[in-house]
Amino acid sequence: MEWWQTALLLLALVWALQAFGTWFQMKHYRDVMRGIASQWADGFVGAGNARGALGKGVILLVVVTPDDIVRKLLVMEGRSVFAKFRVLPEYEGMTLERLSSGAFGRKEKGRAEALAKAVEQIRKAQGRAEAPNGQAAQTA
């Protein structure tokens, strides 16, 4: 077999492994979201993501009560499809306002960016929940 045929075969194999790994990671994400939805019927969930330096990514999930108390904070970070969500219990019981006002330091820039996106998503959901008849809330 020519060298370019071997290289092409290896490329196809790596691509197939990547596709399988992505499918597996998305299944894990769906399972975690399903678990959150079945555990709590009230409150809000926000999901945020950030792509870090050299391909390191962060996905962050925040579960809050209707009065903005953090029930659970989960983070998935890494460079591969083998990353899994980890619970960060030190943030449970904290208000969402306090969490978003600097709970993550400078070294955790990716987490802070993902958290900001998750909080924005929660605020939008809260606005929809407060609006009458499911209409989007009017802001002045």
N, C-alpha and C. Protein backbone atom coordinates (compact mmCIF):
# COMPACT_ATOMS: atom_id res chain seq x y z
N MET A 1 0.85 -1.17 0.00
CA MET A 1 0.00 0.00 0.00
C MET A 1 0.90 1.24 0.00
N GLU A 2 0.56 2.20 -0.83
CA GLU A 2 1.30 3.46 -0.91
C GLU A 2 1.18 4.24 0.40
N TRP A 3 2.12 5.12 0.67
CA TRP A 3 2.11 5.89 1.91
C TRP A 3 0.89 6.81 2.00
N TRP A 4 0.46 7.37 0.88
CA TRP A 4 -0.67 8.28 0.91
C TRP A 4 -1.98 7.52 1.16
N GLN A 5 -2.04 6.26 0.74
CA GLN A 5 -3.23 5.45 1.02
C GLN A 5 -3.30 5.11 2.50
N THR A 6 -2.16 4.82 3.08
CA THR A 6 -2.10 4.54 4.52
C THR A 6 -2.48 5.79 5.31
N ALA A 7 -1.96 6.93 4.89
CA ALA A 7 -2.28 8.19 5.56
C ALA A 7 -3.77 8.49 5.46
N LEU A 8 -4.35 8.26 4.30
CA LEU A 8 -5.78 8.50 4.10
C LEU A 8 -6.61 7.55 4.97
N LEU A 9 -6.20 6.30 5.06
CA LEU A 9 -6.89 5.33 5.90
C LEU A 9 -6.81 5.72 7.38
N LEU A 10 -5.63 6.17 7.82
CA LEU A 10 -5.48 6.63 9.21
C LEU A 10 -6.34 7.86 9.49
N LEU A 11 -6.39 8.77 8.53
CA LEU A 11 -7.22 9.96 8.67
C LEU A 11 -8.69 9.57 8.81
N ALA A 12 -9.15 8.64 8.00
CA ALA A 12 -10.54 8.18 8.08
C ALA A 12 -10.82 7.53 9.43
N LEU A 13 -9.87 6.75 9.93
CA LEU A 13 -10.03 6.09 11.23
C LEU A 13 -10.11 7.11 12.36
N VAL A 14 -9.23 8.10 12.34
CA VAL A 14 -9.23 9.15 13.37
C VAL A 14 -10.53 9.94 13.30
N TRP A 15 -11.01 10.24 12.10
CA TRP A 15 -12.26 10.97 11.94
C TRP A 15 -13.43 10.16 12.51
N ALA A 16 -13.46 8.86 12.26
CA ALA A 16 -14.53 8.01 12.79
C ALA A 16 -14.48 7.96 14.32
N LEU A 17 -13.29 7.87 14.88
CA LEU A 17 -13.16 7.88 16.34
C LEU A 17 -13.63 9.20 16.93
N GLN A 18 -13.30 10.30 16.26
CA GLN A 18 -13.74 11.62 16.72
C GLN A 18 -15.27 11.72 16.67
N ALA A 19 -15.87 11.22 15.61
CA ALA A 19 -17.32 11.25 15.47
C ALA A 19 -17.98 10.43 16.59
N PHE A 20 -17.43 9.26 16.87
CA PHE A 20 -17.97 8.43 17.95
C PHE A 20 -17.80 9.13 19.30
N GLY A 21 -16.65 9.72 19.54
CA GLY A 21 -16.41 10.43 20.80
C GLY A 21 -17.35 11.60 20.98
N THR A 22 -17.62 12.33 19.91
CA THR A 22 -18.54 13.46 19.98
C THR A 22 -19.95 12.97 20.30
N TRP A 23 -20.37 11.89 19.65
CA TRP A 23 -21.69 11.32 19.92
C TRP A 23 -21.78 10.92 21.40
N PHE A 24 -20.74 10.27 21.91
CA PHE A 24 -20.72 9.81 23.29
C PHE A 24 -20.80 11.00 24.25
N GLN A 25 -20.06 12.08 23.96
CA GLN A 25 -20.08 13.26 24.82
C GLN A 25 -21.46 13.95 24.79
N MET A 26 -22.07 14.01 23.63
CA MET A 26 -23.41 14.61 23.53
C MET A 26 -24.45 13.77 24.28
N LYS A 27 -24.28 12.47 24.26
CA LYS A 27 -25.16 11.58 25.03
C LYS A 27 -25.01 11.88 26.52
N HIS A 28 -23.78 12.06 26.97
CA HIS A 28 -23.52 12.41 28.37
C HIS A 28 -24.19 13.74 28.72
N TYR A 29 -24.07 14.73 27.85
CA TYR A 29 -24.69 16.05 28.06
C TYR A 29 -26.20 15.91 28.20
N ARG A 30 -26.82 15.16 27.27
CA ARG A 30 -28.28 14.97 27.32
C ARG A 30 -28.70 14.24 28.60
N ASP A 31 -27.92 13.25 29.02
CA ASP A 31 -28.24 12.52 30.25
C ASP A 31 -28.18 13.43 31.47
N VAL A 32 -27.18 14.30 31.53
CA VAL A 32 -27.06 15.24 32.65
C VAL A 32 -28.24 16.20 32.64
N MET A 33 -28.59 16.74 31.48
CA MET A 33 -29.73 17.67 31.39
C MET A 33 -31.03 16.97 31.78
N ARG A 34 -31.21 15.75 31.35
CA ARG A 34 -32.40 14.98 31.70
C ARG A 34 -32.46 14.76 33.21
N GLY A 35 -31.32 14.47 33.83
CA GLY A 35 -31.26 14.29 35.27
C GLY A 35 -31.62 15.56 36.02
N ILE A 36 -31.15 16.70 35.53
CA ILE A 36 -31.48 17.98 36.16
C ILE A 36 -32.98 18.25 36.05
N ALA A 37 -33.54 18.02 34.88
CA ALA A 37 -34.96 18.28 34.66
C ALA A 37 -35.84 17.37 35.52
N SER A 38 -35.41 16.13 35.73
CA SER A 38 -36.23 15.22 36.54
C SER A 38 -36.07 15.48 38.04
N GLN A 39 -34.94 16.05 38.44
CA GLN A 39 -34.69 16.29 39.86
C GLN A 39 -35.43 17.52 40.37
N TRP A 40 -35.53 18.57 39.56
CA TRP A 40 -36.18 19.80 39.98
C TRP A 40 -37.19 20.25 38.95
N ALA A 41 -38.40 20.53 39.43
CA ALA A 41 -39.46 20.97 38.52
C ALA A 41 -39.56 22.50 38.48
N ASP A 42 -39.00 23.16 39.48
CA ASP A 42 -39.06 24.62 39.50
C ASP A 42 -37.65 25.19 39.32
N GLY A 43 -37.58 26.48 39.14
CA GLY A 43 -36.29 27.12 38.96
C GLY A 43 -35.87 27.21 37.51
N PHE A 44 -34.59 27.47 37.28
CA PHE A 44 -34.09 27.70 35.94
C PHE A 44 -32.72 27.04 35.76
N VAL A 45 -32.43 26.71 34.51
CA VAL A 45 -31.14 26.13 34.14
C VAL A 45 -30.52 27.02 33.07
N GLY A 46 -29.26 27.32 33.24
CA GLY A 46 -28.52 28.07 32.22
C GLY A 46 -27.31 27.27 31.79
N ALA A 47 -27.04 27.28 30.50
CA ALA A 47 -25.87 26.58 29.96
C ALA A 47 -25.04 27.60 29.20
N GLY A 48 -23.75 27.60 29.47
CA GLY A 48 -22.84 28.50 28.78
C GLY A 48 -21.60 27.75 28.35
N ASN A 49 -20.95 28.27 27.34
CA ASN A 49 -19.72 27.63 26.86
C ASN A 49 -18.67 28.69 26.53
N ALA A 50 -17.43 28.24 26.50
CA ALA A 50 -16.32 29.12 26.13
C ALA A 50 -15.22 28.24 25.56
N ARG A 51 -14.57 28.75 24.55
CA ARG A 51 -13.43 28.04 23.98
C ARG A 51 -12.18 28.72 24.51
N GLY A 52 -11.37 27.93 25.17
CA GLY A 52 -10.16 28.47 25.77
C GLY A 52 -8.97 28.41 24.84
N ALA A 53 -7.84 28.78 25.37
CA ALA A 53 -6.60 28.76 24.60
C ALA A 53 -6.22 27.33 24.23
N LEU A 54 -5.68 27.17 23.07
CA LEU A 54 -5.22 25.87 22.56
C LEU A 54 -6.31 24.82 22.53
N GLY A 55 -7.53 25.25 22.27
CA GLY A 55 -8.61 24.30 22.08
C GLY A 55 -9.28 23.79 23.34
N LYS A 56 -8.83 24.24 24.53
CA LYS A 56 -9.47 23.80 25.77
C LYS A 56 -10.81 24.49 25.87
N GLY A 57 -11.86 23.71 25.99
CA GLY A 57 -13.21 24.26 26.05
C GLY A 57 -13.84 24.08 27.41
N VAL A 58 -14.85 24.89 27.67
CA VAL A 58 -15.59 24.83 28.93
C VAL A 58 -17.07 24.87 28.62
N ILE A 59 -17.82 23.96 29.23
CA ILE A 59 -19.28 24.02 29.22
C ILE A 59 -19.69 24.06 30.67
N LEU A 60 -20.54 25.01 31.02
CA LEU A 60 -20.93 25.21 32.41
C LEU A 60 -22.46 25.19 32.50
N LEU A 61 -23.00 24.45 33.45
CA LEU A 61 -24.43 24.41 33.71
C LEU A 61 -24.70 24.96 35.10
N VAL A 62 -25.67 25.86 35.21
CA VAL A 62 -26.06 26.44 36.49
C VAL A 62 -27.54 26.15 36.69
N VAL A 63 -27.87 25.57 37.83
CA VAL A 63 -29.27 25.32 38.20
C VAL A 63 -29.57 26.22 39.38
N VAL A 64 -30.62 27.06 39.24
CA VAL A 64 -30.98 27.99 40.30
C VAL A 64 -32.44 27.81 40.69
N THR A 65 -32.73 28.19 41.93
CA THR A 65 -34.10 28.19 42.43
C THR A 65 -34.85 29.37 41.81
N PRO A 66 -36.16 29.44 41.99
CA PRO A 66 -36.89 30.61 41.48
C PRO A 66 -36.41 31.94 42.08
N ASP A 67 -35.81 31.90 43.29
CA ASP A 67 -35.29 33.13 43.89
C ASP A 67 -33.77 33.27 43.75
N ASP A 68 -33.21 32.67 42.71
CA ASP A 68 -31.80 32.86 42.30
C ASP A 68 -30.75 32.31 43.26
N ILE A 69 -31.05 31.24 43.95
CA ILE A 69 -30.05 30.56 44.77
C ILE A 69 -29.51 29.38 43.96
N VAL A 70 -28.20 29.26 43.89
CA VAL A 70 -27.59 28.20 43.09
C VAL A 70 -27.82 26.85 43.77
N ARG A 71 -28.48 25.96 43.04
CA ARG A 71 -28.70 24.61 43.52
C ARG A 71 -27.52 23.70 43.14
N LYS A 72 -27.07 23.87 41.92
CA LYS A 72 -25.99 23.01 41.43
C LYS A 72 -25.23 23.76 40.35
N LEU A 73 -23.92 23.55 40.34
CA LEU A 73 -23.06 24.12 39.32
C LEU A 73 -22.20 22.98 38.79
N LEU A 74 -22.30 22.73 37.50
CA LEU A 74 -21.53 21.66 36.88
C LEU A 74 -20.65 22.25 35.80
N VAL A 75 -19.45 21.71 35.66
CA VAL A 75 -18.53 22.20 34.65
C VAL A 75 -17.89 21.01 33.93
N MET A 76 -17.80 21.15 32.61
CA MET A 76 -17.08 20.19 31.78
C MET A 76 -16.01 20.98 31.07
N GLU A 77 -14.77 20.60 31.28
CA GLU A 77 -13.69 21.32 30.62
C GLU A 77 -12.59 20.37 30.21
N GLY A 78 -11.98 20.70 29.10
CA GLY A 78 -10.90 19.87 28.62
C GLY A 78 -10.70 20.04 27.12
N ARG A 79 -9.78 19.26 26.60
CA ARG A 79 -9.44 19.35 25.18
C ARG A 79 -9.94 18.15 24.39
N SER A 80 -10.55 17.20 25.05
CA SER A 80 -10.94 15.99 24.34
C SER A 80 -12.41 15.66 24.58
N VAL A 81 -12.88 14.68 23.85
CA VAL A 81 -14.26 14.25 23.99
C VAL A 81 -14.45 13.37 25.22
N PHE A 82 -13.38 13.12 25.97
CA PHE A 82 -13.47 12.30 27.17
C PHE A 82 -13.80 13.12 28.41
N ALA A 83 -13.95 14.43 28.27
CA ALA A 83 -14.29 15.28 29.40
C ALA A 83 -15.70 14.96 29.88
N LYS A 84 -15.89 15.03 31.17
CA LYS A 84 -17.19 14.77 31.80
C LYS A 84 -17.55 15.94 32.71
N PHE A 85 -18.84 16.07 33.01
CA PHE A 85 -19.26 17.11 33.95
C PHE A 85 -18.81 16.76 35.36
N ARG A 86 -18.35 17.78 36.06
CA ARG A 86 -18.00 17.67 37.47
C ARG A 86 -18.84 18.67 38.24
N VAL A 87 -19.34 18.26 39.39
CA VAL A 87 -20.11 19.15 40.26
C VAL A 87 -19.13 19.98 41.07
N LEU A 88 -19.42 21.27 41.19
CA LEU A 88 -18.61 22.18 42.02
C LEU A 88 -19.46 22.56 43.24
N PRO A 89 -19.42 21.76 44.29
CA PRO A 89 -20.32 21.97 45.44
C PRO A 89 -20.03 23.25 46.23
N GLU A 90 -18.85 23.81 46.10
CA GLU A 90 -18.52 25.02 46.88
C GLU A 90 -19.35 26.23 46.47
N TYR A 91 -20.05 26.17 45.34
CA TYR A 91 -20.87 27.29 44.89
C TYR A 91 -22.35 27.09 45.18
N GLU A 92 -22.73 25.92 45.66
CA GLU A 92 -24.13 25.64 45.97
C GLU A 92 -24.56 26.47 47.17
N GLY A 93 -25.76 27.05 47.09
CA GLY A 93 -26.28 27.90 48.16
C GLY A 93 -25.94 29.37 47.98
N MET A 94 -25.06 29.68 47.06
CA MET A 94 -24.65 31.06 46.78
C MET A 94 -25.73 31.71 45.90
N THR A 95 -25.90 33.01 46.01
CA THR A 95 -26.83 33.69 45.12
C THR A 95 -26.22 33.78 43.72
N LEU A 96 -27.07 33.83 42.73
CA LEU A 96 -26.59 33.93 41.35
C LEU A 96 -25.84 35.25 41.15
N GLU A 97 -26.29 36.29 41.79
CA GLU A 97 -25.63 37.60 41.70
C GLU A 97 -24.20 37.53 42.24
N ARG A 98 -24.04 36.90 43.38
CA ARG A 98 -22.71 36.77 43.99
C ARG A 98 -21.80 35.88 43.14
N LEU A 99 -22.37 34.82 42.62
CA LEU A 99 -21.60 33.91 41.77
C LEU A 99 -21.10 34.64 40.52
N SER A 100 -21.97 35.42 39.91
CA SER A 100 -21.58 36.07 38.65
C SER A 100 -20.74 37.32 38.86
N SER A 101 -20.59 37.75 40.10
CA SER A 101 -19.77 38.95 40.35
C SER A 101 -18.37 38.58 40.82
N GLY A 102 -17.76 37.62 40.15
CA GLY A 102 -16.36 37.36 40.41
C GLY A 102 -16.03 36.12 41.20
N ALA A 103 -16.88 35.11 41.17
CA ALA A 103 -16.57 33.88 41.90
C ALA A 103 -15.38 33.15 41.28
N PHE A 104 -15.21 33.32 39.98
CA PHE A 104 -14.08 32.70 39.30
C PHE A 104 -13.00 33.75 39.10
N GLY A 105 -11.78 33.38 39.39
CA GLY A 105 -10.67 34.32 39.28
C GLY A 105 -10.15 34.47 37.86
N ARG A 106 -9.08 35.23 37.74
CA ARG A 106 -8.46 35.48 36.43
C ARG A 106 -7.99 34.21 35.74
N LYS A 107 -7.52 33.26 36.52
CA LYS A 107 -7.00 32.02 35.95
C LYS A 107 -8.12 31.16 35.37
N GLU A 108 -9.36 31.46 35.74
CA GLU A 108 -10.51 30.69 35.28
C GLU A 108 -11.36 31.51 34.32
N LYS A 109 -10.69 32.15 33.36
CA LYS A 109 -11.36 33.04 32.41
C LYS A 109 -12.43 32.30 31.59
N GLY A 110 -12.14 31.07 31.18
CA GLY A 110 -13.10 30.28 30.42
C GLY A 110 -14.36 30.00 31.21
N ARG A 111 -14.19 29.67 32.49
CA ARG A 111 -15.35 29.42 33.35
C ARG A 111 -16.18 30.69 33.51
N ALA A 112 -15.50 31.82 33.69
CA ALA A 112 -16.20 33.10 33.86
C ALA A 112 -17.01 33.45 32.62
N GLU A 113 -16.44 33.23 31.44
CA GLU A 113 -17.14 33.51 30.19
C GLU A 113 -18.34 32.59 30.03
N ALA A 114 -18.17 31.32 30.32
CA ALA A 114 -19.27 30.36 30.23
C ALA A 114 -20.37 30.70 31.23
N LEU A 115 -19.97 31.12 32.44
CA LEU A 115 -20.94 31.50 33.46
C LEU A 115 -21.75 32.71 33.00
N ALA A 116 -21.09 33.70 32.40
CA ALA A 116 -21.80 34.89 31.93
C ALA A 116 -22.87 34.50 30.90
N LYS A 117 -22.55 33.59 30.01
CA LYS A 117 -23.53 33.13 29.01
C LYS A 117 -24.68 32.37 29.67
N ALA A 118 -24.37 31.56 30.68
CA ALA A 118 -25.41 30.80 31.38
C ALA A 118 -26.34 31.74 32.14
N VAL A 119 -25.78 32.75 32.79
CA VAL A 119 -26.60 33.72 33.53
C VAL A 119 -27.49 34.50 32.57
N GLU A 120 -26.95 34.87 31.41
CA GLU A 120 -27.76 35.57 30.40
C GLU A 120 -28.94 34.70 29.96
N GLN A 121 -28.69 33.42 29.79
CA GLN A 121 -29.76 32.50 29.39
C GLN A 121 -30.82 32.39 30.50
N ILE A 122 -30.39 32.35 31.75
CA ILE A 122 -31.33 32.29 32.87
C ILE A 122 -32.17 33.55 32.92
N ARG A 123 -31.54 34.70 32.74
CA ARG A 123 -32.28 35.97 32.78
C ARG A 123 -33.34 36.04 31.67
N LYS A 124 -33.00 35.55 30.50
CA LYS A 124 -33.98 35.51 29.40
C LYS A 124 -35.15 34.59 29.74
N ALA A 125 -34.86 33.45 30.33
CA ALA A 125 -35.91 32.50 30.72
C ALA A 125 -36.79 33.10 31.81
N GLN A 126 -36.19 33.81 32.76
CA GLN A 126 -36.96 34.45 33.81
C GLN A 126 -37.87 35.53 33.23
N GLY A 127 -37.38 36.27 32.26
CA GLY A 127 -38.19 37.29 31.60
C GLY A 127 -39.38 36.70 30.88
N ARG A 128 -39.17 35.56 30.23
CA ARG A 128 -40.28 34.88 29.55
C ARG A 128 -41.29 34.34 30.56
N ALA A 129 -40.80 33.85 31.70
CA ALA A 129 -41.69 33.28 32.71
C ALA A 129 -42.54 34.36 33.38
N GLU A 130 -42.00 35.56 33.51
CA GLU A 130 -42.72 36.64 34.17
C GLU A 130 -43.70 37.35 33.24
N ALA A 131 -43.50 37.24 31.94
CA ALA A 131 -44.35 37.94 30.98
C ALA A 131 -45.74 37.30 30.95
N PRO A 132 -46.79 38.10 30.85
CA PRO A 132 -48.14 37.56 30.79
C PRO A 132 -48.40 36.84 29.46
N ASN A 133 -49.14 35.77 29.50
CA ASN A 133 -49.55 35.01 28.30
C ASN A 133 -48.39 34.54 27.45
N GLY A 134 -47.22 34.34 28.06
CA GLY A 134 -46.08 33.84 27.30
C GLY A 134 -45.47 34.86 26.37
N GLN A 135 -45.94 36.13 26.41
CA GLN A 135 -45.39 37.20 25.58
C GLN A 135 -44.04 37.61 26.15
N ALA A 136 -43.14 38.02 25.30
CA ALA A 136 -41.82 38.49 25.75
C ALA A 136 -42.01 39.75 26.58
N ALA A 137 -41.28 39.84 27.67
CA ALA A 137 -41.37 41.00 28.57
C ALA A 137 -40.84 42.24 27.87
N GLN A 138 -41.52 43.35 28.06
CA GLN A 138 -41.11 44.63 27.49
C GLN A 138 -40.11 45.29 28.45
N THR A 139 -39.03 45.79 27.94
CA THR A 139 -38.07 46.51 28.79
C THR A 139 -37.99 47.95 28.32
N ALA A 140 -37.82 48.85 29.27
CA ALA A 140 -37.76 50.28 28.92
C ALA A 140 -36.37 50.71 28.62
